[in-house]
Amino acid sequence: MFEQLNEQFKESLKPVTELATLNMTTLQELAEKQNALFTTLLSSGASFAETASQQKDVMSLAEAQKAYLESLQETITESAKETYTLVSSAQQKAGAMIKGMSEEVTAKMTAAAKQ
């Protein structure tokens, strides 16, 4: 009897566990992407500072600044796209899980009502 209750409890927690795992995985991937972004931004900023300090005239400094800002914009845009894709994918997976849970509960309730 106890084993049966234990199995039912484990089975009822399975969807919650799956959602928690999805959330944890998604958050870990987001943290890795943020870490990579900040590392890239810091490196790019240091590189620009070094390049800017070596410029002899205003025009070359302006060109270096323009190149840096274009690179910065590209990096941030790419990061935003990757983050959006990751979050959207996780949202779709979570939606499918919840839909599956809902259908399973409905089926069990319908079967129980027929008995």
PDB file of N, CA and C in Angstrom:
ATOM      1  N   MET A   1       0.820  -1.195   0.000  1.00  0.00           N
ATOM      2  CA  MET A   1       0.000   0.000   0.000  1.00  0.00           C
ATOM      3  C   MET A   1       0.869   1.265   0.000  1.00  0.00           C
ATOM      4  N   PHE A   2       1.861   1.255   0.889  1.00  0.00           N
ATOM      5  CA  PHE A   2       2.758   2.409   0.971  1.00  0.00           C
ATOM      6  C   PHE A   2       3.524   2.603  -0.326  1.00  0.00           C
ATOM      7  N   GLU A   3       3.977   1.498  -0.918  1.00  0.00           N
ATOM      8  CA  GLU A   3       4.718   1.580  -2.183  1.00  0.00           C
ATOM      9  C   GLU A   3       3.843   2.148  -3.292  1.00  0.00           C
ATOM     10  N   GLN A   4       2.592   1.765  -3.305  1.00  0.00           N
ATOM     11  CA  GLN A   4       1.659   2.272  -4.323  1.00  0.00           C
ATOM     12  C   GLN A   4       1.455   3.775  -4.153  1.00  0.00           C
ATOM     13  N   LEU A   5       1.281   4.236  -2.917  1.00  0.00           N
ATOM     14  CA  LEU A   5       1.128   5.667  -2.658  1.00  0.00           C
ATOM     15  C   LEU A   5       2.393   6.426  -3.037  1.00  0.00           C
ATOM     16  N   ASN A   6       3.537   5.843  -2.738  1.00  0.00           N
ATOM     17  CA  ASN A   6       4.820   6.456  -3.072  1.00  0.00           C
ATOM     18  C   ASN A   6       4.972   6.598  -4.590  1.00  0.00           C
ATOM     19  N   GLU A   7       4.609   5.570  -5.326  1.00  0.00           N
ATOM     20  CA  GLU A   7       4.676   5.612  -6.789  1.00  0.00           C
ATOM     21  C   GLU A   7       3.712   6.658  -7.359  1.00  0.00           C
ATOM     22  N   GLN A   8       2.516   6.732  -6.796  1.00  0.00           N
ATOM     23  CA  GLN A   8       1.545   7.726  -7.262  1.00  0.00           C
ATOM     24  C   GLN A   8       2.053   9.140  -6.979  1.00  0.00           C
ATOM     25  N   PHE A   9       2.674   9.310  -5.828  1.00  0.00           N
ATOM     26  CA  PHE A   9       3.222  10.624  -5.477  1.00  0.00           C
ATOM     27  C   PHE A   9       4.342  11.008  -6.436  1.00  0.00           C
ATOM     28  N   LYS A  10       5.239  10.056  -6.720  1.00  0.00           N
ATOM     29  CA  LYS A  10       6.331  10.320  -7.664  1.00  0.00           C
ATOM     30  C   LYS A  10       5.776  10.656  -9.044  1.00  0.00           C
ATOM     31  N   GLU A  11       4.766   9.922  -9.460  1.00  0.00           N
ATOM     32  CA  GLU A  11       4.168  10.157 -10.779  1.00  0.00           C
ATOM     33  C   GLU A  11       3.488  11.530 -10.833  1.00  0.00           C
ATOM     34  N   SER A  12       2.870  11.930  -9.743  1.00  0.00           N
ATOM     35  CA  SER A  12       2.192  13.234  -9.742  1.00  0.00           C
ATOM     36  C   SER A  12       3.186  14.389  -9.737  1.00  0.00           C
ATOM     37  N   LEU A  13       4.394  14.165  -9.211  1.00  0.00           N
ATOM     38  CA  LEU A  13       5.414  15.213  -9.196  1.00  0.00           C
ATOM     39  C   LEU A  13       6.254  15.258 -10.471  1.00  0.00           C
ATOM     40  N   LYS A  14       6.124  14.269 -11.320  1.00  0.00           N
ATOM     41  CA  LYS A  14       6.939  14.200 -12.542  1.00  0.00           C
ATOM     42  C   LYS A  14       6.813  15.470 -13.396  1.00  0.00           C
ATOM     43  N   PRO A  15       5.615  15.982 -13.680  1.00  0.00           N
ATOM     44  CA  PRO A  15       5.521  17.215 -14.496  1.00  0.00           C
ATOM     45  C   PRO A  15       6.196  18.418 -13.834  1.00  0.00           C
ATOM     46  N   VAL A  16       6.065  18.524 -12.522  1.00  0.00           N
ATOM     47  CA  VAL A  16       6.679  19.635 -11.801  1.00  0.00           C
ATOM     48  C   VAL A  16       8.205  19.522 -11.899  1.00  0.00           C
ATOM     49  N   THR A  17       8.696  18.309 -11.759  1.00  0.00           N
ATOM     50  CA  THR A  17      10.136  18.069 -11.866  1.00  0.00           C
ATOM     51  C   THR A  17      10.647  18.410 -13.262  1.00  0.00           C
ATOM     52  N   GLU A  18       9.885  18.019 -14.280  1.00  0.00           N
ATOM     53  CA  GLU A  18      10.279  18.316 -15.656  1.00  0.00           C
ATOM     54  C   GLU A  18      10.322  19.830 -15.905  1.00  0.00           C
ATOM     55  N   LEU A  19       9.331  20.554 -15.396  1.00  0.00           N
ATOM     56  CA  LEU A  19       9.318  22.016 -15.552  1.00  0.00           C
ATOM     57  C   LEU A  19      10.479  22.663 -14.796  1.00  0.00           C
ATOM     58  N   ALA A  20      10.744  22.162 -13.600  1.00  0.00           N
ATOM     59  CA  ALA A  20      11.860  22.711 -12.821  1.00  0.00           C
ATOM     60  C   ALA A  20      13.184  22.467 -13.540  1.00  0.00           C
ATOM     61  N   THR A  21      13.334  21.289 -14.126  1.00  0.00           N
ATOM     62  CA  THR A  21      14.550  20.972 -14.877  1.00  0.00           C
ATOM     63  C   THR A  21      14.683  21.882 -16.091  1.00  0.00           C
ATOM     64  N   LEU A  22      13.582  22.104 -16.801  1.00  0.00           N
ATOM     65  CA  LEU A  22      13.596  23.006 -17.954  1.00  0.00           C
ATOM     66  C   LEU A  22      13.989  24.412 -17.523  1.00  0.00           C
ATOM     67  N   ASN A  23      13.398  24.897 -16.445  1.00  0.00           N
ATOM     68  CA  ASN A  23      13.733  26.237 -15.948  1.00  0.00           C
ATOM     69  C   ASN A  23      15.201  26.333 -15.552  1.00  0.00           C
ATOM     70  N   MET A  24      15.686  25.325 -14.848  1.00  0.00           N
ATOM     71  CA  MET A  24      17.074  25.341 -14.395  1.00  0.00           C
ATOM     72  C   MET A  24      18.032  25.331 -15.590  1.00  0.00           C
ATOM     73  N   THR A  25      17.746  24.501 -16.566  1.00  0.00           N
ATOM     74  CA  THR A  25      18.582  24.425 -17.762  1.00  0.00           C
ATOM     75  C   THR A  25      18.577  25.753 -18.521  1.00  0.00           C
ATOM     76  N   THR A  26      17.396  26.331 -18.667  1.00  0.00           N
ATOM     77  CA  THR A  26      17.275  27.604 -19.371  1.00  0.00           C
ATOM     78  C   THR A  26      18.027  28.714 -18.645  1.00  0.00           C
ATOM     79  N   LEU A  27      17.872  28.778 -17.329  1.00  0.00           N
ATOM     80  CA  LEU A  27      18.574  29.800 -16.552  1.00  0.00           C
ATOM     81  C   LEU A  27      20.089  29.617 -16.623  1.00  0.00           C
ATOM     82  N   GLN A  28      20.529  28.371 -16.620  1.00  0.00           N
ATOM     83  CA  GLN A  28      21.971  28.115 -16.729  1.00  0.00           C
ATOM     84  C   GLN A  28      22.497  28.577 -18.092  1.00  0.00           C
ATOM     85  N   GLU A  29      21.759  28.276 -19.152  1.00  0.00           N
ATOM     86  CA  GLU A  29      22.175  28.713 -20.488  1.00  0.00           C
ATOM     87  C   GLU A  29      22.168  30.243 -20.592  1.00  0.00           C
ATOM     88  N   LEU A  30      21.160  30.877 -19.998  1.00  0.00           N
ATOM     89  CA  LEU A  30      21.114  32.345 -20.010  1.00  0.00           C
ATOM     90  C   LEU A  30      22.302  32.938 -19.258  1.00  0.00           C
ATOM     91  N   ALA A  31      22.637  32.342 -18.135  1.00  0.00           N
ATOM     92  CA  ALA A  31      23.785  32.830 -17.359  1.00  0.00           C
ATOM     93  C   ALA A  31      25.079  32.688 -18.151  1.00  0.00           C
ATOM     94  N   GLU A  32      25.227  31.578 -18.868  1.00  0.00           N
ATOM     95  CA  GLU A  32      26.421  31.378 -19.698  1.00  0.00           C
ATOM     96  C   GLU A  32      26.487  32.410 -20.819  1.00  0.00           C
ATOM     97  N   LYS A  33      25.336  32.678 -21.438  1.00  0.00           N
ATOM     98  CA  LYS A  33      25.303  33.674 -22.513  1.00  0.00           C
ATOM     99  C   LYS A  33      25.621  35.071 -21.975  1.00  0.00           C
ATOM    100  N   GLN A  34      25.088  35.408 -20.813  1.00  0.00           N
ATOM    101  CA  GLN A  34      25.378  36.707 -20.214  1.00  0.00           C
ATOM    102  C   GLN A  34      26.858  36.825 -19.865  1.00  0.00           C
ATOM    103  N   ASN A  35      27.417  35.752 -19.336  1.00  0.00           N
ATOM    104  CA  ASN A  35      28.839  35.751 -18.993  1.00  0.00           C
ATOM    105  C   ASN A  35      29.687  35.975 -20.244  1.00  0.00           C
ATOM    106  N   ALA A  36      29.341  35.278 -21.323  1.00  0.00           N
ATOM    107  CA  ALA A  36      30.075  35.442 -22.579  1.00  0.00           C
ATOM    108  C   ALA A  36      29.917  36.863 -23.118  1.00  0.00           C
ATOM    109  N   LEU A  37      28.711  37.412 -23.017  1.00  0.00           N
ATOM    110  CA  LEU A  37      28.470  38.776 -23.489  1.00  0.00           C
ATOM    111  C   LEU A  37      29.312  39.782 -22.707  1.00  0.00           C
ATOM    112  N   PHE A  38      29.280  39.694 -21.389  1.00  0.00           N
ATOM    113  CA  PHE A  38      30.038  40.657 -20.581  1.00  0.00           C
ATOM    114  C   PHE A  38      31.539  40.509 -20.801  1.00  0.00           C
ATOM    115  N   THR A  39      31.998  39.272 -20.991  1.00  0.00           N
ATOM    116  CA  THR A  39      33.416  39.057 -21.279  1.00  0.00           C
ATOM    117  C   THR A  39      33.795  39.713 -22.601  1.00  0.00           C
ATOM    118  N   THR A  40      32.947  39.528 -23.609  1.00  0.00           N
ATOM    119  CA  THR A  40      33.189  40.131 -24.913  1.00  0.00           C
ATOM    120  C   THR A  40      33.168  41.651 -24.838  1.00  0.00           C
ATOM    121  N   LEU A  41      32.179  42.202 -24.122  1.00  0.00           N
ATOM    122  CA  LEU A  41      32.078  43.654 -23.997  1.00  0.00           C
ATOM    123  C   LEU A  41      33.286  44.237 -23.267  1.00  0.00           C
ATOM    124  N   LEU A  42      33.714  43.572 -22.220  1.00  0.00           N
ATOM    125  CA  LEU A  42      34.873  44.045 -21.473  1.00  0.00           C
ATOM    126  C   LEU A  42      36.134  43.996 -22.326  1.00  0.00           C
ATOM    127  N   SER A  43      36.305  42.910 -23.045  1.00  0.00           N
ATOM    128  CA  SER A  43      37.466  42.757 -23.922  1.00  0.00           C
ATOM    129  C   SER A  43      37.450  43.798 -25.036  1.00  0.00           C
ATOM    130  N   SER A  44      36.281  43.978 -25.643  1.00  0.00           N
ATOM    131  CA  SER A  44      36.158  44.970 -26.719  1.00  0.00           C
ATOM    132  C   SER A  44      36.424  46.377 -26.213  1.00  0.00           C
ATOM    133  N   GLY A  45      35.915  46.691 -25.031  1.00  0.00           N
ATOM    134  CA  GLY A  45      36.139  48.011 -24.452  1.00  0.00           C
ATOM    135  C   GLY A  45      37.607  48.268 -24.164  1.00  0.00           C
ATOM    136  N   ALA A  46      38.278  47.263 -23.625  1.00  0.00           N
ATOM    137  CA  ALA A  46      39.717  47.408 -23.344  1.00  0.00           C
ATOM    138  C   ALA A  46      40.500  47.567 -24.638  1.00  0.00           C
ATOM    139  N   SER A  47      40.121  46.795 -25.646  1.00  0.00           N
ATOM    140  CA  SER A  47      40.790  46.877 -26.942  1.00  0.00           C
ATOM    141  C   SER A  47      40.584  48.255 -27.569  1.00  0.00           C
ATOM    142  N   PHE A  48      39.354  48.770 -27.469  1.00  0.00           N
ATOM    143  CA  PHE A  48      39.084  50.102 -28.012  1.00  0.00           C
ATOM    144  C   PHE A  48      39.893  51.162 -27.276  1.00  0.00           C
ATOM    145  N   ALA A  49      39.966  51.064 -25.959  1.00  0.00           N
ATOM    146  CA  ALA A  49      40.727  52.047 -25.179  1.00  0.00           C
ATOM    147  C   ALA A  49      42.193  52.058 -25.603  1.00  0.00           C
ATOM    148  N   GLU A  50      42.733  50.872 -25.847  1.00  0.00           N
ATOM    149  CA  GLU A  50      44.128  50.787 -26.293  1.00  0.00           C
ATOM    150  C   GLU A  50      44.291  51.394 -27.682  1.00  0.00           C
ATOM    151  N   THR A  51      43.351  51.052 -28.583  1.00  0.00           N
ATOM    152  CA  THR A  51      43.403  51.584 -29.944  1.00  0.00           C
ATOM    153  C   THR A  51      43.237  53.107 -29.939  1.00  0.00           C
ATOM    154  N   ALA A  52      42.293  53.603 -29.139  1.00  0.00           N
ATOM    155  CA  ALA A  52      42.031  55.046 -29.081  1.00  0.00           C
ATOM    156  C   ALA A  52      43.246  55.806 -28.563  1.00  0.00           C
ATOM    157  N   SER A  53      43.955  55.218 -27.628  1.00  0.00           N
ATOM    158  CA  SER A  53      45.117  55.911 -27.064  1.00  0.00           C
ATOM    159  C   SER A  53      46.283  56.001 -28.051  1.00  0.00           C
ATOM    160  N   GLN A  54      46.247  55.172 -29.083  1.00  0.00           N
ATOM    161  CA  GLN A  54      47.328  55.172 -30.072  1.00  0.00           C
ATOM    162  C   GLN A  54      47.049  56.070 -31.278  1.00  0.00           C
ATOM    163  N   GLN A  55      45.862  56.641 -31.339  1.00  0.00           N
ATOM    164  CA  GLN A  55      45.498  57.465 -32.496  1.00  0.00           C
ATOM    165  C   GLN A  55      46.186  58.827 -32.405  1.00  0.00           C
ATOM    166  N   LYS A  56      46.625  59.298 -33.566  1.00  0.00           N
ATOM    167  CA  LYS A  56      47.395  60.546 -33.619  1.00  0.00           C
ATOM    168  C   LYS A  56      46.537  61.769 -33.947  1.00  0.00           C
ATOM    169  N   ASP A  57      45.398  61.541 -34.620  1.00  0.00           N
ATOM    170  CA  ASP A  57      44.545  62.682 -34.976  1.00  0.00           C
ATOM    171  C   ASP A  57      43.075  62.362 -34.700  1.00  0.00           C
ATOM    172  N   VAL A  58      42.256  63.380 -34.793  1.00  0.00           N
ATOM    173  CA  VAL A  58      40.838  63.263 -34.470  1.00  0.00           C
ATOM    174  C   VAL A  58      40.108  62.366 -35.460  1.00  0.00           C
ATOM    175  N   MET A  59      40.458  62.430 -36.729  1.00  0.00           N
ATOM    176  CA  MET A  59      39.774  61.623 -37.746  1.00  0.00           C
ATOM    177  C   MET A  59      40.004  60.133 -37.528  1.00  0.00           C
ATOM    178  N   SER A  60      41.223  59.747 -37.232  1.00  0.00           N
ATOM    179  CA  SER A  60      41.492  58.326 -36.993  1.00  0.00           C
ATOM    180  C   SER A  60      40.822  57.854 -35.698  1.00  0.00           C
ATOM    181  N   LEU A  61      40.746  58.732 -34.709  1.00  0.00           N
ATOM    182  CA  LEU A  61      40.039  58.401 -33.469  1.00  0.00           C
ATOM    183  C   LEU A  61      38.549  58.217 -33.746  1.00  0.00           C
ATOM    184  N   ALA A  62      37.989  59.086 -34.575  1.00  0.00           N
ATOM    185  CA  ALA A  62      36.571  58.975 -34.936  1.00  0.00           C
ATOM    186  C   ALA A  62      36.299  57.676 -35.683  1.00  0.00           C
ATOM    187  N   GLU A  63      37.204  57.278 -36.572  1.00  0.00           N
ATOM    188  CA  GLU A  63      37.056  56.016 -37.311  1.00  0.00           C
ATOM    189  C   GLU A  63      37.128  54.816 -36.362  1.00  0.00           C
ATOM    190  N   ALA A  64      38.059  54.872 -35.432  1.00  0.00           N
ATOM    191  CA  ALA A  64      38.194  53.781 -34.461  1.00  0.00           C
ATOM    192  C   ALA A  64      36.944  53.689 -33.593  1.00  0.00           C
ATOM    193  N   GLN A  65      36.426  54.848 -33.196  1.00  0.00           N
ATOM    194  CA  GLN A  65      35.215  54.871 -32.379  1.00  0.00           C
ATOM    195  C   GLN A  65      34.022  54.338 -33.164  1.00  0.00           C
ATOM    196  N   LYS A  66      33.930  54.708 -34.431  1.00  0.00           N
ATOM    197  CA  LYS A  66      32.841  54.234 -35.276  1.00  0.00           C
ATOM    198  C   LYS A  66      32.893  52.708 -35.411  1.00  0.00           C
ATOM    199  N   ALA A  67      34.073  52.166 -35.651  1.00  0.00           N
ATOM    200  CA  ALA A  67      34.232  50.716 -35.785  1.00  0.00           C
ATOM    201  C   ALA A  67      33.866  50.009 -34.469  1.00  0.00           C
ATOM    202  N   TYR A  68      34.282  50.596 -33.359  1.00  0.00           N
ATOM    203  CA  TYR A  68      33.979  50.013 -32.051  1.00  0.00           C
ATOM    204  C   TYR A  68      32.473  50.000 -31.806  1.00  0.00           C
ATOM    205  N   LEU A  69      31.807  51.108 -32.082  1.00  0.00           N
ATOM    206  CA  LEU A  69      30.368  51.189 -31.842  1.00  0.00           C
ATOM    207  C   LEU A  69      29.582  50.253 -32.752  1.00  0.00           C
ATOM    208  N   GLU A  70      30.014  50.094 -33.985  1.00  0.00           N
ATOM    209  CA  GLU A  70      29.354  49.155 -34.892  1.00  0.00           C
ATOM    210  C   GLU A  70      29.516  47.724 -34.381  1.00  0.00           C
ATOM    211  N   SER A  71      30.711  47.402 -33.934  1.00  0.00           N
ATOM    212  CA  SER A  71      30.973  46.080 -33.374  1.00  0.00           C
ATOM    213  C   SER A  71      30.144  45.849 -32.114  1.00  0.00           C
ATOM    214  N   LEU A  72      30.055  46.870 -31.288  1.00  0.00           N
ATOM    215  CA  LEU A  72      29.268  46.791 -30.058  1.00  0.00           C
ATOM    216  C   LEU A  72      27.798  46.547 -30.371  1.00  0.00           C
ATOM    217  N   GLN A  73      27.281  47.282 -31.333  1.00  0.00           N
ATOM    218  CA  GLN A  73      25.883  47.118 -31.716  1.00  0.00           C
ATOM    219  C   GLN A  73      25.629  45.711 -32.247  1.00  0.00           C
ATOM    220  N   GLU A  74      26.521  45.214 -33.072  1.00  0.00           N
ATOM    221  CA  GLU A  74      26.380  43.867 -33.637  1.00  0.00           C
ATOM    222  C   GLU A  74      26.412  42.799 -32.539  1.00  0.00           C
ATOM    223  N   THR A  75      27.323  42.957 -31.592  1.00  0.00           N
ATOM    224  CA  THR A  75      27.449  41.996 -30.494  1.00  0.00           C
ATOM    225  C   THR A  75      26.188  41.963 -29.643  1.00  0.00           C
ATOM    226  N   ILE A  76      25.677  43.129 -29.302  1.00  0.00           N
ATOM    227  CA  ILE A  76      24.484  43.200 -28.455  1.00  0.00           C
ATOM    228  C   ILE A  76      23.258  42.685 -29.195  1.00  0.00           C
ATOM    229  N   THR A  77      23.136  43.019 -30.464  1.00  0.00           N
ATOM    230  CA  THR A  77      22.011  42.538 -31.263  1.00  0.00           C
ATOM    231  C   THR A  77      22.022  41.018 -31.361  1.00  0.00           C
ATOM    232  N   GLU A  78      23.175  40.453 -31.636  1.00  0.00           N
ATOM    233  CA  GLU A  78      23.295  38.994 -31.736  1.00  0.00           C
ATOM    234  C   GLU A  78      22.966  38.324 -30.404  1.00  0.00           C
ATOM    235  N   SER A  79      23.430  38.903 -29.329  1.00  0.00           N
ATOM    236  CA  SER A  79      23.143  38.365 -28.004  1.00  0.00           C
ATOM    237  C   SER A  79      21.642  38.409 -27.706  1.00  0.00           C
ATOM    238  N   ALA A  80      21.006  39.506 -28.067  1.00  0.00           N
ATOM    239  CA  ALA A  80      19.563  39.636 -27.845  1.00  0.00           C
ATOM    240  C   ALA A  80      18.789  38.594 -28.652  1.00  0.00           C
ATOM    241  N   LYS A  81      19.212  38.365 -29.889  1.00  0.00           N
ATOM    242  CA  LYS A  81      18.550  37.359 -30.732  1.00  0.00           C
ATOM    243  C   LYS A  81      18.698  35.961 -30.119  1.00  0.00           C
ATOM    244  N   GLU A  82      19.899  35.639 -29.671  1.00  0.00           N
ATOM    245  CA  GLU A  82      20.137  34.325 -29.066  1.00  0.00           C
ATOM    246  C   GLU A  82      19.319  34.142 -27.790  1.00  0.00           C
ATOM    247  N   THR A  83      19.247  35.184 -26.991  1.00  0.00           N
ATOM    248  CA  THR A  83      18.478  35.124 -25.751  1.00  0.00           C
ATOM    249  C   THR A  83      16.995  34.955 -26.051  1.00  0.00           C
ATOM    250  N   TYR A  84      16.497  35.701 -27.016  1.00  0.00           N
ATOM    251  CA  TYR A  84      15.090  35.589 -27.405  1.00  0.00           C
ATOM    252  C   TYR A  84      14.783  34.175 -27.888  1.00  0.00           C
ATOM    253  N   THR A  85      15.652  33.612 -28.698  1.00  0.00           N
ATOM    254  CA  THR A  85      15.455  32.255 -29.214  1.00  0.00           C
ATOM    255  C   THR A  85      15.423  31.238 -28.076  1.00  0.00           C
ATOM    256  N   LEU A  86      16.347  31.378 -27.154  1.00  0.00           N
ATOM    257  CA  LEU A  86      16.417  30.460 -26.020  1.00  0.00           C
ATOM    258  C   LEU A  86      15.160  30.535 -25.157  1.00  0.00           C
ATOM    259  N   VAL A  87      14.736  31.741 -24.825  1.00  0.00           N
ATOM    260  CA  VAL A  87      13.557  31.910 -23.973  1.00  0.00           C
ATOM    261  C   VAL A  87      12.293  31.455 -24.701  1.00  0.00           C
ATOM    262  N   SER A  88      12.187  31.757 -25.977  1.00  0.00           N
ATOM    263  CA  SER A  88      11.015  31.330 -26.752  1.00  0.00           C
ATOM    264  C   SER A  88      10.927  29.809 -26.817  1.00  0.00           C
ATOM    265  N   SER A  89      12.063  29.168 -27.026  1.00  0.00           N
ATOM    266  CA  SER A  89      12.093  27.710 -27.073  1.00  0.00           C
ATOM    267  C   SER A  89      11.665  27.114 -25.738  1.00  0.00           C
ATOM    268  N   ALA A  90      12.182  27.656 -24.657  1.00  0.00           N
ATOM    269  CA  ALA A  90      11.805  27.161 -23.326  1.00  0.00           C
ATOM    270  C   ALA A  90      10.320  27.378 -23.065  1.00  0.00           C
ATOM    271  N   GLN A  91       9.805  28.516 -23.516  1.00  0.00           N
ATOM    272  CA  GLN A  91       8.388  28.814 -23.331  1.00  0.00           C
ATOM    273  C   GLN A  91       7.524  27.809 -24.097  1.00  0.00           C
ATOM    274  N   GLN A  92       7.923  27.481 -25.312  1.00  0.00           N
ATOM    275  CA  GLN A  92       7.169  26.506 -26.104  1.00  0.00           C
ATOM    276  C   GLN A  92       7.206  25.124 -25.459  1.00  0.00           C
ATOM    277  N   LYS A  93       8.387  24.726 -24.965  1.00  0.00           N
ATOM    278  CA  LYS A  93       8.504  23.425 -24.299  1.00  0.00           C
ATOM    279  C   LYS A  93       7.638  23.384 -23.043  1.00  0.00           C
ATOM    280  N   ALA A  94       7.661  24.465 -22.267  1.00  0.00           N
ATOM    281  CA  ALA A  94       6.847  24.519 -21.050  1.00  0.00           C
ATOM    282  C   ALA A  94       5.360  24.464 -21.393  1.00  0.00           C
ATOM    283  N   GLY A  95       4.965  25.167 -22.431  1.00  0.00           N
ATOM    284  CA  GLY A  95       3.572  25.134 -22.867  1.00  0.00           C
ATOM    285  C   GLY A  95       3.136  23.731 -23.274  1.00  0.00           C
ATOM    286  N   ALA A  96       4.009  23.038 -23.987  1.00  0.00           N
ATOM    287  CA  ALA A  96       3.699  21.661 -24.393  1.00  0.00           C
ATOM    288  C   ALA A  96       3.595  20.747 -23.171  1.00  0.00           C
ATOM    289  N   MET A  97       4.480  20.958 -22.205  1.00  0.00           N
ATOM    290  CA  MET A  97       4.419  20.144 -20.980  1.00  0.00           C
ATOM    291  C   MET A  97       3.113  20.380 -20.226  1.00  0.00           C
ATOM    292  N   ILE A  98       2.736  21.638 -20.098  1.00  0.00           N
ATOM    293  CA  ILE A  98       1.513  21.970 -19.366  1.00  0.00           C
ATOM    294  C   ILE A  98       0.288  21.436 -20.107  1.00  0.00           C
ATOM    295  N   LYS A  99       0.307  21.542 -21.420  1.00  0.00           N
ATOM    296  CA  LYS A  99      -0.801  21.002 -22.206  1.00  0.00           C
ATOM    297  C   LYS A  99      -0.895  19.496 -22.014  1.00  0.00           C
ATOM    298  N   GLY A 100       0.244  18.825 -22.032  1.00  0.00           N
ATOM    299  CA  GLY A 100       0.264  17.376 -21.816  1.00  0.00           C
ATOM    300  C   GLY A 100      -0.254  17.002 -20.441  1.00  0.00           C
ATOM    301  N   MET A 101       0.142  17.776 -19.417  1.00  0.00           N
ATOM    302  CA  MET A 101      -0.350  17.526 -18.052  1.00  0.00           C
ATOM    303  C   MET A 101      -1.861  17.703 -17.992  1.00  0.00           C
ATOM    304  N   SER A 102      -2.339  18.757 -18.619  1.00  0.00           N
ATOM    305  CA  SER A 102      -3.767  19.047 -18.611  1.00  0.00           C
ATOM    306  C   SER A 102      -4.555  17.928 -19.296  1.00  0.00           C
ATOM    307  N   GLU A 103      -4.064  17.468 -20.412  1.00  0.00           N
ATOM    308  CA  GLU A 103      -4.738  16.383 -21.135  1.00  0.00           C
ATOM    309  C   GLU A 103      -4.724  15.092 -20.330  1.00  0.00           C
ATOM    310  N   GLU A 104      -3.611  14.839 -19.658  1.00  0.00           N
ATOM    311  CA  GLU A 104      -3.504  13.624 -18.843  1.00  0.00           C
ATOM    312  C   GLU A 104      -4.471  13.671 -17.663  1.00  0.00           C
ATOM    313  N   VAL A 105      -4.549  14.813 -16.996  1.00  0.00           N
ATOM    314  CA  VAL A 105      -5.465  14.964 -15.859  1.00  0.00           C
ATOM    315  C   VAL A 105      -6.909  14.834 -16.332  1.00  0.00           C
ATOM    316  N   THR A 106      -7.232  15.442 -17.456  1.00  0.00           N
ATOM    317  CA  THR A 106      -8.598  15.356 -18.004  1.00  0.00           C
ATOM    318  C   THR A 106      -8.957  13.906 -18.325  1.00  0.00           C
ATOM    319  N   ALA A 107      -7.989  13.195 -18.936  1.00  0.00           N
ATOM    320  CA  ALA A 107      -8.239  11.789 -19.281  1.00  0.00           C
ATOM    321  C   ALA A 107      -8.462  10.951 -18.018  1.00  0.00           C
ATOM    322  N   LYS A 108      -7.657  11.187 -16.992  1.00  0.00           N
ATOM    323  CA  LYS A 108      -7.807  10.423 -15.744  1.00  0.00           C
ATOM    324  C   LYS A 108      -9.127  10.746 -15.065  1.00  0.00           C
ATOM    325  N   MET A 109      -9.531  12.010 -15.095  1.00  0.00           N
ATOM    326  CA  MET A 109     -10.794  12.385 -14.464  1.00  0.00           C
ATOM    327  C   MET A 109     -11.974  11.803 -15.230  1.00  0.00           C
ATOM    328  N   THR A 110     -11.871  11.792 -16.535  1.00  0.00           N
ATOM    329  CA  THR A 110     -12.936  11.208 -17.362  1.00  0.00           C
ATOM    330  C   THR A 110     -13.040   9.714 -17.099  1.00  0.00           C
ATOM    331  N   ALA A 111     -11.909   9.036 -17.017  1.00  0.00           N
ATOM    332  CA  ALA A 111     -11.908   7.599 -16.746  1.00  0.00           C
ATOM    333  C   ALA A 111     -12.455   7.304 -15.353  1.00  0.00           C
ATOM    334  N   ALA A 112     -12.126   8.138 -14.375  1.00  0.00           N
ATOM    335  CA  ALA A 112     -12.600   7.940 -13.024  1.00  0.00           C
ATOM    336  C   ALA A 112     -14.113   8.191 -12.931  1.00  0.00           C
ATOM    337  N   ALA A 113     -14.600   9.159 -13.706  1.00  0.00           N
ATOM    338  CA  ALA A 113     -16.021   9.472 -13.695  1.00  0.00           C
ATOM    339  C   ALA A 113     -16.857   8.354 -14.311  1.00  0.00           C
ATOM    340  N   LYS A 114     -16.274   7.621 -15.260  1.00  0.00           N
ATOM    341  CA  LYS A 114     -16.984   6.532 -15.926  1.00  0.00           C
ATOM    342  C   LYS A 114     -17.083   5.296 -15.037  1.00  0.00           C
ATOM    343  N   GLN A 115     -16.196   5.223 -14.041  1.00  0.00           N
ATOM    344  CA  GLN A 115     -16.214   4.039 -13.172  1.00  0.00           C
ATOM    345  C   GLN A 115     -17.296   4.134 -12.199  1.00  0.00           C
TER     346      GLN A 115
END
